Amino acid sequence: MTFSSMPSPTPKNTSAATPSPTSRRRTWLITGASRGIGACIVEAALAQGDAVIATARDVAAIRQRFGERDALLPLALDVTDEPRARHVATAALERFGRIDVLVNNAGYGLLGAVEEATADEVRRLYDTNVFGLLNVTRAVLPAMRAQRAGHVINISSLGGVQSAAGFGLYCSTKFAVEGISEALHAELAPLGIHTTVVEPGYFRTEFLDGASLAVSPQVLSDYAASAGAVREAARRINMNQPGDPQRLAQAMMQLAASPAPPLRLPLGTDTLQAIADKHAFVARETAQWRALAASTDYPEPAGQRAA
C-alpha cells in the first residue's frame, strides 16, 4: 500500500490577496489549530476565502505556520480555562461579527490499560477532551443562538465508535463527546443550529507523537498481550496511518457547506469498517440475549394480552 506524505507546514504568506470581509462565506473558530488536522482545517478554510479564529495553547506556532492575514485571528487558548474561552469568543465577535462554524478539535490521547492510568492522568484527559470542549461550546453558543444559525462540529474518533484495549480511557472521552453531540443536536436543531460529531480513523498527523499522546508510565505485565501489544503497535503505525489529513480538511469544507449536515460523519475506511463490525457484534449479542432482556418488563395484565 502506498501512503501519501504528510503535508509540509504552510509558509508565511503576506503577499497573497485576502478576500474582503464581505466576500467571506463563513467564519470558523477552530481549537487545537497549531498542528495536525486542526491546522489542515485552518488552511483549507482560509484557502476558500473564509475567516478563521485559530486557537491553540501555542499561538506562536499558528502565526509561524500561517503568517499575518486579515482573515486570520490567532488566539492563545487552553480549553480548560473557561474564562479564557469566553474571552476568545468575545474577541472573535469583535473582529468578525459572527461565528458560523465551531470546530472543537483540541484534545489528546492516553495510551495504557485502564488499570495502569492514575486518577490524575484521567482527570487531565477529561479536563481537555470533555470539559474543555464544553467550555468552548458554552462560550460560543450564545452568539449562535442570537443569530439563529451556526454549526457545532465536535471531533470524536474511531475510538468514539468502538473502544479498544490500550486506548480505553481515551475512547471513553470520545464516547462522552458522542453523547454530548447527540443531545446538542436535539437541543440546537429547533434554533437553526446544526451539530455534527466527526469520527476520524487513523490519519497521518502527529497524534501518536509525544505532543499529542500521553503514555501511562505504569506498565503491568498482565496486560502485555492486550494494552502492551497496542503500545508496540502505536510505534509502528505512527506516520504510516492510511488517512490523508488534507483530504479530511476538504471533507470538512463540504460538511460545513451542506444545508443538511449529518449528526455523525465517519471519516476513513477504517472507521467505516469499525462501524460495520460494531453493528454486527451488537446485532449478534442482542439476538443471543433477547429473551433474557425482554423478560425484565412487568407482565402485561391478562386482559391486555387477550386483546
C-alpha atoms as a PDB file:
ATOM      1  CA  MET A   1       0.000   0.000   0.000  1.00  0.00           C
ATOM      2  CA  THR A   2       1.292   3.441  -0.874  1.00  0.00           C
ATOM      3  CA  PHE A   3       0.586   6.267   1.514  1.00  0.00           C
ATOM      4  CA  SER A   4       0.596   9.970   0.752  1.00  0.00           C
ATOM      5  CA  SER A   5       3.143  12.080   2.546  1.00  0.00           C
ATOM      6  CA  MET A   6       2.352  14.355   5.466  1.00  0.00           C
ATOM      7  CA  PRO A   7       1.673  17.908   4.241  1.00  0.00           C
ATOM      8  CA  SER A   8       4.530  20.283   4.942  1.00  0.00           C
ATOM      9  CA  PRO A   9       3.894  23.381   7.063  1.00  0.00           C
ATOM     10  CA  THR A  10       2.409  26.259   5.128  1.00  0.00           C
ATOM     11  CA  PRO A  11       4.942  29.086   4.752  1.00  0.00           C
ATOM     12  CA  LYS A  12       4.116  32.621   5.684  1.00  0.00           C
ATOM     13  CA  ASN A  13       2.011  34.315   3.069  1.00  0.00           C
ATOM     14  CA  THR A  14       1.805  38.055   3.438  1.00  0.00           C
ATOM     15  CA  SER A  15       1.643  38.923  -0.248  1.00  0.00           C
ATOM     16  CA  ALA A  16      -1.385  36.846  -1.258  1.00  0.00           C
ATOM     17  CA  ALA A  17      -4.582  38.786  -1.698  1.00  0.00           C
ATOM     18  CA  THR A  18      -7.008  38.365   1.171  1.00  0.00           C
ATOM     19  CA  PRO A  19     -10.733  38.403   0.368  1.00  0.00           C
ATOM     20  CA  SER A  20     -12.641  41.359   1.777  1.00  0.00           C
ATOM     21  CA  PRO A  21     -14.886  40.700   4.797  1.00  0.00           C
ATOM     22  CA  THR A  22     -17.997  40.979   2.611  1.00  0.00           C
ATOM     23  CA  SER A  23     -16.768  38.199   0.293  1.00  0.00           C
ATOM     24  CA  ARG A  24     -16.037  35.675   3.044  1.00  0.00           C
ATOM     25  CA  ARG A  25     -18.564  32.896   3.109  1.00  0.00           C
ATOM     26  CA  ARG A  26     -18.341  31.919   6.777  1.00  0.00           C
ATOM     27  CA  THR A  27     -16.321  32.418   9.948  1.00  0.00           C
ATOM     28  CA  TRP A  28     -14.730  29.455  11.725  1.00  0.00           C
ATOM     29  CA  LEU A  29     -13.484  29.083  15.294  1.00  0.00           C
ATOM     30  CA  ILE A  30     -11.111  26.128  15.484  1.00  0.00           C
ATOM     31  CA  THR A  31      -9.424  24.811  18.625  1.00  0.00           C
ATOM     32  CA  GLY A  32      -6.198  22.828  18.586  1.00  0.00           C
ATOM     33  CA  ALA A  33      -5.257  24.667  15.390  1.00  0.00           C
ATOM     34  CA  SER A  34      -1.466  24.741  15.621  1.00  0.00           C
ATOM     35  CA  ARG A  35      -0.849  21.288  14.147  1.00  0.00           C
ATOM     36  CA  GLY A  36      -2.469  18.102  12.877  1.00  0.00           C
ATOM     37  CA  ILE A  37      -5.952  18.109  11.452  1.00  0.00           C
ATOM     38  CA  GLY A  38      -6.753  21.400  13.168  1.00  0.00           C
ATOM     39  CA  ALA A  39      -4.065  23.194  11.161  1.00  0.00           C
ATOM     40  CA  CYS A  40      -5.200  21.470   7.960  1.00  0.00           C
ATOM     41  CA  ILE A  41      -8.761  22.687   8.537  1.00  0.00           C
ATOM     42  CA  VAL A  42      -7.491  26.240   9.103  1.00  0.00           C
ATOM     43  CA  GLU A  43      -5.518  26.044   5.873  1.00  0.00           C
ATOM     44  CA  ALA A  44      -8.483  24.767   3.851  1.00  0.00           C
ATOM     45  CA  ALA A  45     -10.902  27.363   5.263  1.00  0.00           C
ATOM     46  CA  LEU A  46      -8.524  30.242   4.530  1.00  0.00           C
ATOM     47  CA  ALA A  47      -7.884  28.900   1.019  1.00  0.00           C
ATOM     48  CA  GLN A  48     -11.587  29.089   0.178  1.00  0.00           C
ATOM     49  CA  GLY A  49     -11.869  32.668   1.407  1.00  0.00           C
ATOM     50  CA  ASP A  50     -13.339  32.109   4.860  1.00  0.00           C
ATOM     51  CA  ALA A  51     -12.329  33.866   8.077  1.00  0.00           C
ATOM     52  CA  VAL A  52     -10.762  31.798  10.846  1.00  0.00           C
ATOM     53  CA  ILE A  53     -10.218  32.280  14.556  1.00  0.00           C
ATOM     54  CA  ALA A  54      -7.423  29.750  15.115  1.00  0.00           C
ATOM     55  CA  THR A  55      -6.707  28.861  18.726  1.00  0.00           C
ATOM     56  CA  ALA A  56      -4.086  26.791  20.489  1.00  0.00           C
ATOM     57  CA  ARG A  57      -2.010  26.885  23.634  1.00  0.00           C
ATOM     58  CA  ASP A  58       0.983  27.747  21.442  1.00  0.00           C
ATOM     59  CA  VAL A  59      -0.328  30.680  19.420  1.00  0.00           C
ATOM     60  CA  ALA A  60       3.168  31.408  18.079  1.00  0.00           C
ATOM     61  CA  ALA A  61       3.026  28.143  16.136  1.00  0.00           C
ATOM     62  CA  ILE A  62      -0.128  29.343  14.385  1.00  0.00           C
ATOM     63  CA  ARG A  63       1.498  32.631  13.411  1.00  0.00           C
ATOM     64  CA  GLN A  64       4.610  30.849  12.193  1.00  0.00           C
ATOM     65  CA  ARG A  65       2.614  28.455  10.031  1.00  0.00           C
ATOM     66  CA  PHE A  66       0.074  30.866   8.546  1.00  0.00           C
ATOM     67  CA  GLY A  67       1.641  34.289   8.826  1.00  0.00           C
ATOM     68  CA  GLU A  68      -0.327  37.518   9.139  1.00  0.00           C
ATOM     69  CA  ARG A  69      -3.638  37.626   7.263  1.00  0.00           C
ATOM     70  CA  ASP A  70      -6.681  39.835   7.573  1.00  0.00           C
ATOM     71  CA  ALA A  71      -8.901  36.752   7.555  1.00  0.00           C
ATOM     72  CA  LEU A  72      -6.982  35.050  10.379  1.00  0.00           C
ATOM     73  CA  LEU A  73      -7.218  35.790  14.092  1.00  0.00           C
ATOM     74  CA  PRO A  74      -4.753  33.641  16.058  1.00  0.00           C
ATOM     75  CA  LEU A  75      -5.540  33.490  19.765  1.00  0.00           C
ATOM     76  CA  ALA A  76      -3.983  31.653  22.687  1.00  0.00           C
ATOM     77  CA  LEU A  77      -6.403  29.238  24.306  1.00  0.00           C
ATOM     78  CA  ASP A  78      -6.074  26.432  26.787  1.00  0.00           C
ATOM     79  CA  VAL A  79      -9.572  24.949  26.537  1.00  0.00           C
ATOM     80  CA  THR A  80      -9.511  24.001  30.228  1.00  0.00           C
ATOM     81  CA  ASP A  81      -9.614  27.743  31.027  1.00  0.00           C
ATOM     82  CA  GLU A  82     -13.310  28.657  30.758  1.00  0.00           C
ATOM     83  CA  PRO A  83     -12.904  32.439  31.287  1.00  0.00           C
ATOM     84  CA  ARG A  84     -10.307  32.468  28.508  1.00  0.00           C
ATOM     85  CA  ALA A  85     -12.723  30.583  26.233  1.00  0.00           C
ATOM     86  CA  ARG A  86     -15.320  33.301  26.808  1.00  0.00           C
ATOM     87  CA  HIS A  87     -12.689  35.953  26.056  1.00  0.00           C
ATOM     88  CA  VAL A  88     -11.829  34.211  22.770  1.00  0.00           C
ATOM     89  CA  ALA A  89     -15.490  34.135  21.739  1.00  0.00           C
ATOM     90  CA  THR A  90     -15.830  37.837  22.529  1.00  0.00           C
ATOM     91  CA  ALA A  91     -12.670  38.692  20.578  1.00  0.00           C
ATOM     92  CA  ALA A  92     -13.912  36.655  17.621  1.00  0.00           C
ATOM     93  CA  LEU A  93     -17.203  38.525  17.530  1.00  0.00           C
ATOM     94  CA  GLU A  94     -15.472  41.880  17.848  1.00  0.00           C
ATOM     95  CA  ARG A  95     -13.216  41.048  14.903  1.00  0.00           C
ATOM     96  CA  PHE A  96     -15.597  39.268  12.517  1.00  0.00           C
ATOM     97  CA  GLY A  97     -19.101  39.920  13.851  1.00  0.00           C
ATOM     98  CA  ARG A  98     -20.253  36.309  13.918  1.00  0.00           C
ATOM     99  CA  ILE A  99     -19.147  32.700  14.361  1.00  0.00           C
ATOM    100  CA  ASP A 100     -20.626  30.327  11.797  1.00  0.00           C
ATOM    101  CA  VAL A 101     -18.685  27.121  12.475  1.00  0.00           C
ATOM    102  CA  LEU A 102     -17.155  25.926  15.737  1.00  0.00           C
ATOM    103  CA  VAL A 103     -14.711  23.034  15.411  1.00  0.00           C
ATOM    104  CA  ASN A 104     -13.937  21.508  18.809  1.00  0.00           C
ATOM    105  CA  ASN A 105     -10.707  19.784  17.808  1.00  0.00           C
ATOM    106  CA  ALA A 106      -8.405  20.298  20.815  1.00  0.00           C
ATOM    107  CA  GLY A 107      -7.588  17.076  22.603  1.00  0.00           C
ATOM    108  CA  TYR A 108      -5.011  14.381  23.136  1.00  0.00           C
ATOM    109  CA  GLY A 109      -4.731  10.642  23.610  1.00  0.00           C
ATOM    110  CA  LEU A 110      -3.805   8.462  26.571  1.00  0.00           C
ATOM    111  CA  LEU A 111      -2.201   5.095  25.895  1.00  0.00           C
ATOM    112  CA  GLY A 112      -2.262   2.399  28.530  1.00  0.00           C
ATOM    113  CA  ALA A 113      -4.538  -0.144  30.164  1.00  0.00           C
ATOM    114  CA  VAL A 114      -7.410   1.214  32.237  1.00  0.00           C
ATOM    115  CA  GLU A 115      -5.802  -0.047  35.456  1.00  0.00           C
ATOM    116  CA  GLU A 116      -2.399   1.384  34.535  1.00  0.00           C
ATOM    117  CA  ALA A 117      -3.621   5.006  34.375  1.00  0.00           C
ATOM    118  CA  THR A 118      -3.618   7.121  37.513  1.00  0.00           C
ATOM    119  CA  ALA A 119      -6.544   9.225  38.664  1.00  0.00           C
ATOM    120  CA  ASP A 120      -4.592  12.405  37.842  1.00  0.00           C
ATOM    121  CA  GLU A 121      -3.925  11.207  34.284  1.00  0.00           C
ATOM    122  CA  VAL A 122      -7.621  10.508  33.772  1.00  0.00           C
ATOM    123  CA  ARG A 123      -8.706  13.871  35.211  1.00  0.00           C
ATOM    124  CA  ARG A 124      -6.303  15.766  32.939  1.00  0.00           C
ATOM    125  CA  LEU A 125      -7.586  13.816  29.937  1.00  0.00           C
ATOM    126  CA  TYR A 126     -11.224  14.615  30.730  1.00  0.00           C
ATOM    127  CA  ASP A 127     -10.392  18.240  31.542  1.00  0.00           C
ATOM    128  CA  THR A 128      -9.220  18.737  27.958  1.00  0.00           C
ATOM    129  CA  ASN A 129     -11.195  16.283  25.847  1.00  0.00           C
ATOM    130  CA  VAL A 130     -14.595  16.666  27.525  1.00  0.00           C
ATOM    131  CA  PHE A 131     -14.757  19.625  29.916  1.00  0.00           C
ATOM    132  CA  GLY A 132     -12.633  21.754  27.575  1.00  0.00           C
ATOM    133  CA  LEU A 133     -14.986  21.027  24.684  1.00  0.00           C
ATOM    134  CA  LEU A 134     -17.902  22.066  26.900  1.00  0.00           C
ATOM    135  CA  ASN A 135     -16.116  25.276  27.961  1.00  0.00           C
ATOM    136  CA  VAL A 136     -15.664  26.410  24.371  1.00  0.00           C
ATOM    137  CA  THR A 137     -19.130  25.301  23.289  1.00  0.00           C
ATOM    138  CA  ARG A 138     -20.797  27.225  26.116  1.00  0.00           C
ATOM    139  CA  ALA A 139     -18.746  30.290  25.192  1.00  0.00           C
ATOM    140  CA  VAL A 140     -19.807  30.211  21.521  1.00  0.00           C
ATOM    141  CA  LEU A 141     -23.439  29.114  21.684  1.00  0.00           C
ATOM    142  CA  PRO A 142     -24.903  32.446  22.891  1.00  0.00           C
ATOM    143  CA  ALA A 143     -23.768  34.091  19.642  1.00  0.00           C
ATOM    144  CA  MET A 144     -25.086  31.220  17.519  1.00  0.00           C
ATOM    145  CA  ARG A 145     -28.418  31.318  19.338  1.00  0.00           C
ATOM    146  CA  ALA A 146     -28.666  35.057  18.810  1.00  0.00           C
ATOM    147  CA  GLN A 147     -28.041  34.704  15.070  1.00  0.00           C
ATOM    148  CA  ARG A 148     -30.249  31.563  14.893  1.00  0.00           C
ATOM    149  CA  ALA A 149     -27.600  29.891  12.766  1.00  0.00           C
ATOM    150  CA  GLY A 150     -24.332  28.029  13.136  1.00  0.00           C
ATOM    151  CA  HIS A 151     -22.705  24.631  13.077  1.00  0.00           C
ATOM    152  CA  VAL A 152     -21.038  22.932  16.036  1.00  0.00           C
ATOM    153  CA  ILE A 153     -18.581  20.271  14.848  1.00  0.00           C
ATOM    154  CA  ASN A 154     -17.139  18.061  17.566  1.00  0.00           C
ATOM    155  CA  ILE A 155     -14.147  15.941  16.647  1.00  0.00           C
ATOM    156  CA  SER A 156     -14.595  12.445  18.037  1.00  0.00           C
ATOM    157  CA  SER A 157     -12.675   9.426  16.746  1.00  0.00           C
ATOM    158  CA  LEU A 158     -12.887   5.870  15.555  1.00  0.00           C
ATOM    159  CA  GLY A 159     -12.479   5.374  19.311  1.00  0.00           C
ATOM    160  CA  GLY A 160     -15.829   7.081  19.811  1.00  0.00           C
ATOM    161  CA  VAL A 161     -17.418   4.280  17.787  1.00  0.00           C
ATOM    162  CA  GLN A 162     -15.664   1.306  19.343  1.00  0.00           C
ATOM    163  CA  SER A 163     -13.369   1.172  22.348  1.00  0.00           C
ATOM    164  CA  ALA A 164     -10.227  -0.926  22.432  1.00  0.00           C
ATOM    165  CA  ALA A 165      -7.572  -2.233  24.776  1.00  0.00           C
ATOM    166  CA  GLY A 166      -4.841   0.301  25.443  1.00  0.00           C
ATOM    167  CA  PHE A 167      -6.984   3.274  24.495  1.00  0.00           C
ATOM    168  CA  GLY A 168      -9.981   2.642  26.752  1.00  0.00           C
ATOM    169  CA  LEU A 169      -9.799   5.874  28.741  1.00  0.00           C
ATOM    170  CA  TYR A 170      -9.202   7.991  25.656  1.00  0.00           C
ATOM    171  CA  CYS A 171     -12.112   6.231  23.954  1.00  0.00           C
ATOM    172  CA  SER A 172     -14.284   6.931  26.992  1.00  0.00           C
ATOM    173  CA  THR A 173     -13.759  10.680  26.473  1.00  0.00           C
ATOM    174  CA  LYS A 174     -14.841  10.307  22.858  1.00  0.00           C
ATOM    175  CA  PHE A 175     -17.886   8.283  23.918  1.00  0.00           C
ATOM    176  CA  ALA A 176     -18.726  11.311  26.086  1.00  0.00           C
ATOM    177  CA  VAL A 177     -18.284  13.628  23.104  1.00  0.00           C
ATOM    178  CA  GLU A 178     -20.665  11.420  21.117  1.00  0.00           C
ATOM    179  CA  GLY A 179     -23.327  11.621  23.829  1.00  0.00           C
ATOM    180  CA  ILE A 180     -22.943  15.378  24.236  1.00  0.00           C
ATOM    181  CA  SER A 181     -23.218  15.830  20.484  1.00  0.00           C
ATOM    182  CA  GLU A 182     -26.421  13.783  20.253  1.00  0.00           C
ATOM    183  CA  ALA A 183     -28.013  15.946  22.930  1.00  0.00           C
ATOM    184  CA  LEU A 184     -26.787  19.172  21.317  1.00  0.00           C
ATOM    185  CA  HIS A 185     -28.282  18.012  18.020  1.00  0.00           C
ATOM    186  CA  ALA A 186     -31.693  17.653  19.642  1.00  0.00           C
ATOM    187  CA  GLU A 187     -31.437  20.915  21.587  1.00  0.00           C
ATOM    188  CA  LEU A 188     -29.995  23.152  18.872  1.00  0.00           C
ATOM    189  CA  ALA A 189     -31.797  21.970  15.727  1.00  0.00           C
ATOM    190  CA  PRO A 190     -35.008  23.880  16.628  1.00  0.00           C
ATOM    191  CA  LEU A 191     -32.859  27.029  16.864  1.00  0.00           C
ATOM    192  CA  GLY A 192     -31.419  26.637  13.372  1.00  0.00           C
ATOM    193  CA  ILE A 193     -28.028  25.399  14.621  1.00  0.00           C
ATOM    194  CA  HIS A 194     -26.504  22.191  13.261  1.00  0.00           C
ATOM    195  CA  THR A 195     -24.446  19.715  15.275  1.00  0.00           C
ATOM    196  CA  THR A 196     -22.139  17.093  13.787  1.00  0.00           C
ATOM    197  CA  VAL A 197     -19.779  14.695  15.513  1.00  0.00           C
ATOM    198  CA  VAL A 198     -16.910  13.759  13.192  1.00  0.00           C
ATOM    199  CA  GLU A 199     -15.292  10.344  13.661  1.00  0.00           C
ATOM    200  CA  PRO A 200     -11.862  10.222  12.009  1.00  0.00           C
ATOM    201  CA  GLY A 201      -9.954   6.977  11.810  1.00  0.00           C
ATOM    202  CA  TYR A 202      -6.162   6.884  11.763  1.00  0.00           C
ATOM    203  CA  PHE A 203      -4.876   9.926   9.880  1.00  0.00           C
ATOM    204  CA  ARG A 204      -1.250  10.728   9.253  1.00  0.00           C
ATOM    205  CA  THR A 205      -0.777  13.509  11.774  1.00  0.00           C
ATOM    206  CA  GLU A 206       1.286  13.993  14.918  1.00  0.00           C
ATOM    207  CA  PHE A 207      -1.418  12.354  17.070  1.00  0.00           C
ATOM    208  CA  LEU A 208       0.764   9.367  18.000  1.00  0.00           C
ATOM    209  CA  ASP A 209       3.748  11.589  18.794  1.00  0.00           C
ATOM    210  CA  GLY A 210       4.585  12.705  22.302  1.00  0.00           C
ATOM    211  CA  ALA A 211       2.987  16.122  21.797  1.00  0.00           C
ATOM    212  CA  SER A 212      -0.496  14.650  21.317  1.00  0.00           C
ATOM    213  CA  LEU A 213      -0.296  11.265  23.048  1.00  0.00           C
ATOM    214  CA  ALA A 214       0.373  10.687  26.726  1.00  0.00           C
ATOM    215  CA  VAL A 215       1.553   7.216  27.722  1.00  0.00           C
ATOM    216  CA  SER A 216       0.872   5.894  31.201  1.00  0.00           C
ATOM    217  CA  PRO A 217       4.272   5.248  32.809  1.00  0.00           C
ATOM    218  CA  GLN A 218       2.977   2.296  34.825  1.00  0.00           C
ATOM    219  CA  VAL A 219       3.266  -0.954  32.864  1.00  0.00           C
ATOM    220  CA  LEU A 220       1.682  -4.113  34.287  1.00  0.00           C
ATOM    221  CA  SER A 221       2.923  -7.358  32.760  1.00  0.00           C
ATOM    222  CA  ASP A 222      -0.522  -8.981  32.929  1.00  0.00           C
ATOM    223  CA  TYR A 223      -1.639  -6.650  30.130  1.00  0.00           C
ATOM    224  CA  ALA A 224       1.297  -7.408  27.818  1.00  0.00           C
ATOM    225  CA  ALA A 225      -0.899  -9.268  25.320  1.00  0.00           C
ATOM    226  CA  SER A 226      -3.607  -6.573  25.202  1.00  0.00           C
ATOM    227  CA  ALA A 227      -2.697  -2.978  26.094  1.00  0.00           C
ATOM    228  CA  GLY A 228       1.005  -3.806  25.863  1.00  0.00           C
ATOM    229  CA  ALA A 229       0.612  -5.015  22.292  1.00  0.00           C
ATOM    230  CA  VAL A 230      -1.201  -1.770  21.441  1.00  0.00           C
ATOM    231  CA  ARG A 231       1.710   0.247  22.830  1.00  0.00           C
ATOM    232  CA  GLU A 232       4.026  -1.501  20.402  1.00  0.00           C
ATOM    233  CA  ALA A 233       1.591  -1.174  17.504  1.00  0.00           C
ATOM    234  CA  ALA A 234       1.303   2.588  18.073  1.00  0.00           C
ATOM    235  CA  ARG A 235       5.032   2.966  17.470  1.00  0.00           C
ATOM    236  CA  ARG A 236       4.794   1.069  14.170  1.00  0.00           C
ATOM    237  CA  ILE A 237       1.691   2.888  12.960  1.00  0.00           C
ATOM    238  CA  ASN A 238       2.992   6.391  13.704  1.00  0.00           C
ATOM    239  CA  MET A 239       3.303   8.367  10.437  1.00  0.00           C
ATOM    240  CA  ASN A 240       2.105   5.311   8.486  1.00  0.00           C
ATOM    241  CA  GLN A 241      -1.604   5.896   9.036  1.00  0.00           C
ATOM    242  CA  PRO A 242      -3.827   5.456   5.959  1.00  0.00           C
ATOM    243  CA  GLY A 243      -5.805   8.695   6.283  1.00  0.00           C
ATOM    244  CA  ASP A 244      -4.776  11.860   4.412  1.00  0.00           C
ATOM    245  CA  PRO A 245      -5.321  14.921   6.674  1.00  0.00           C
ATOM    246  CA  GLN A 246      -5.615  17.300   3.724  1.00  0.00           C
ATOM    247  CA  ARG A 247      -8.458  15.222   2.308  1.00  0.00           C
ATOM    248  CA  LEU A 248     -10.048  15.246   5.746  1.00  0.00           C
ATOM    249  CA  ALA A 249      -9.871  19.049   5.712  1.00  0.00           C
ATOM    250  CA  GLN A 250     -11.593  19.171   2.330  1.00  0.00           C
ATOM    251  CA  ALA A 251     -14.293  16.858   3.649  1.00  0.00           C
ATOM    252  CA  MET A 252     -14.799  19.336   6.489  1.00  0.00           C
ATOM    253  CA  MET A 253     -15.312  22.130   3.968  1.00  0.00           C
ATOM    254  CA  GLN A 254     -18.041  20.072   2.283  1.00  0.00           C
ATOM    255  CA  LEU A 255     -19.599  19.295   5.662  1.00  0.00           C
ATOM    256  CA  ALA A 256     -19.769  22.971   6.645  1.00  0.00           C
ATOM    257  CA  ALA A 257     -21.262  23.886   3.264  1.00  0.00           C
ATOM    258  CA  SER A 258     -24.060  21.314   3.496  1.00  0.00           C
ATOM    259  CA  PRO A 259     -27.548  22.722   4.159  1.00  0.00           C
ATOM    260  CA  ALA A 260     -28.475  19.466   5.900  1.00  0.00           C
ATOM    261  CA  PRO A 261     -25.342  18.059   7.582  1.00  0.00           C
ATOM    262  CA  PRO A 262     -25.431  14.677   9.322  1.00  0.00           C
ATOM    263  CA  LEU A 263     -25.380  14.105  13.047  1.00  0.00           C
ATOM    264  CA  ARG A 264     -22.403  11.761  12.545  1.00  0.00           C
ATOM    265  CA  LEU A 265     -19.724  11.802   9.873  1.00  0.00           C
ATOM    266  CA  PRO A 266     -17.251   8.894   9.909  1.00  0.00           C
ATOM    267  CA  LEU A 267     -14.044   9.641   8.000  1.00  0.00           C
ATOM    268  CA  GLY A 268     -11.752   6.911   6.720  1.00  0.00           C
ATOM    269  CA  THR A 269     -12.318   3.353   5.611  1.00  0.00           C
ATOM    270  CA  ASP A 270     -11.049   2.134   8.989  1.00  0.00           C
ATOM    271  CA  THR A 271     -13.860   3.956  10.782  1.00  0.00           C
ATOM    272  CA  LEU A 272     -16.393   2.622   8.286  1.00  0.00           C
ATOM    273  CA  GLN A 273     -15.153  -0.906   8.980  1.00  0.00           C
ATOM    274  CA  ALA A 274     -15.275  -0.327  12.737  1.00  0.00           C
ATOM    275  CA  ILE A 275     -18.895   0.790  12.462  1.00  0.00           C
ATOM    276  CA  ALA A 276     -19.822  -2.305  10.435  1.00  0.00           C
ATOM    277  CA  ASP A 277     -18.045  -4.590  12.909  1.00  0.00           C
ATOM    278  CA  LYS A 278     -19.644  -2.915  15.924  1.00  0.00           C
ATOM    279  CA  HIS A 279     -23.152  -3.099  14.463  1.00  0.00           C
ATOM    280  CA  ALA A 280     -22.675  -6.762  13.563  1.00  0.00           C
ATOM    281  CA  PHE A 281     -21.394  -7.576  17.067  1.00  0.00           C
ATOM    282  CA  VAL A 282     -24.291  -5.755  18.750  1.00  0.00           C
ATOM    283  CA  ALA A 283     -26.825  -7.478  16.483  1.00  0.00           C
ATOM    284  CA  ARG A 284     -25.395 -10.945  17.263  1.00  0.00           C
ATOM    285  CA  GLU A 285     -25.194 -10.352  21.003  1.00  0.00           C
ATOM    286  CA  THR A 286     -28.650  -8.783  21.199  1.00  0.00           C
ATOM    287  CA  ALA A 287     -30.177 -11.739  19.352  1.00  0.00           C
ATOM    288  CA  GLN A 288     -28.419 -14.186  21.677  1.00  0.00           C
ATOM    289  CA  TRP A 289     -29.665 -12.482  24.855  1.00  0.00           C
ATOM    290  CA  ARG A 290     -33.021 -11.116  23.592  1.00  0.00           C
ATOM    291  CA  ALA A 291     -35.194 -13.448  25.679  1.00  0.00           C
ATOM    292  CA  LEU A 292     -33.493 -12.502  28.934  1.00  0.00           C
ATOM    293  CA  ALA A 293     -33.506  -8.805  28.014  1.00  0.00           C
ATOM    294  CA  ALA A 294     -37.239  -8.864  27.271  1.00  0.00           C
ATOM    295  CA  SER A 295     -38.058 -10.824  30.447  1.00  0.00           C
ATOM    296  CA  THR A 296     -37.467  -7.852  32.745  1.00  0.00           C
ATOM    297  CA  ASP A 297     -40.652  -5.894  31.820  1.00  0.00           C
ATOM    298  CA  TYR A 298     -43.693  -6.014  34.089  1.00  0.00           C
ATOM    299  CA  PRO A 299     -46.025  -8.778  32.873  1.00  0.00           C
ATOM    300  CA  GLU A 300     -48.957  -7.465  30.862  1.00  0.00           C
ATOM    301  CA  PRO A 301     -52.353  -7.857  32.510  1.00  0.00           C
ATOM    302  CA  ALA A 302     -54.259 -10.898  31.273  1.00  0.00           C
ATOM    303  CA  GLY A 303     -56.952  -8.803  29.624  1.00  0.00           C
ATOM    304  CA  GLN A 304     -54.420  -6.805  27.605  1.00  0.00           C
ATOM    305  CA  ARG A 305     -52.710  -9.999  26.430  1.00  0.00           C
ATOM    306  CA  ALA A 306     -56.025 -11.365  25.202  1.00  0.00           C
ATOM    307  CA  ALA A 307     -56.802  -8.126  23.392  1.00  0.00           C
END
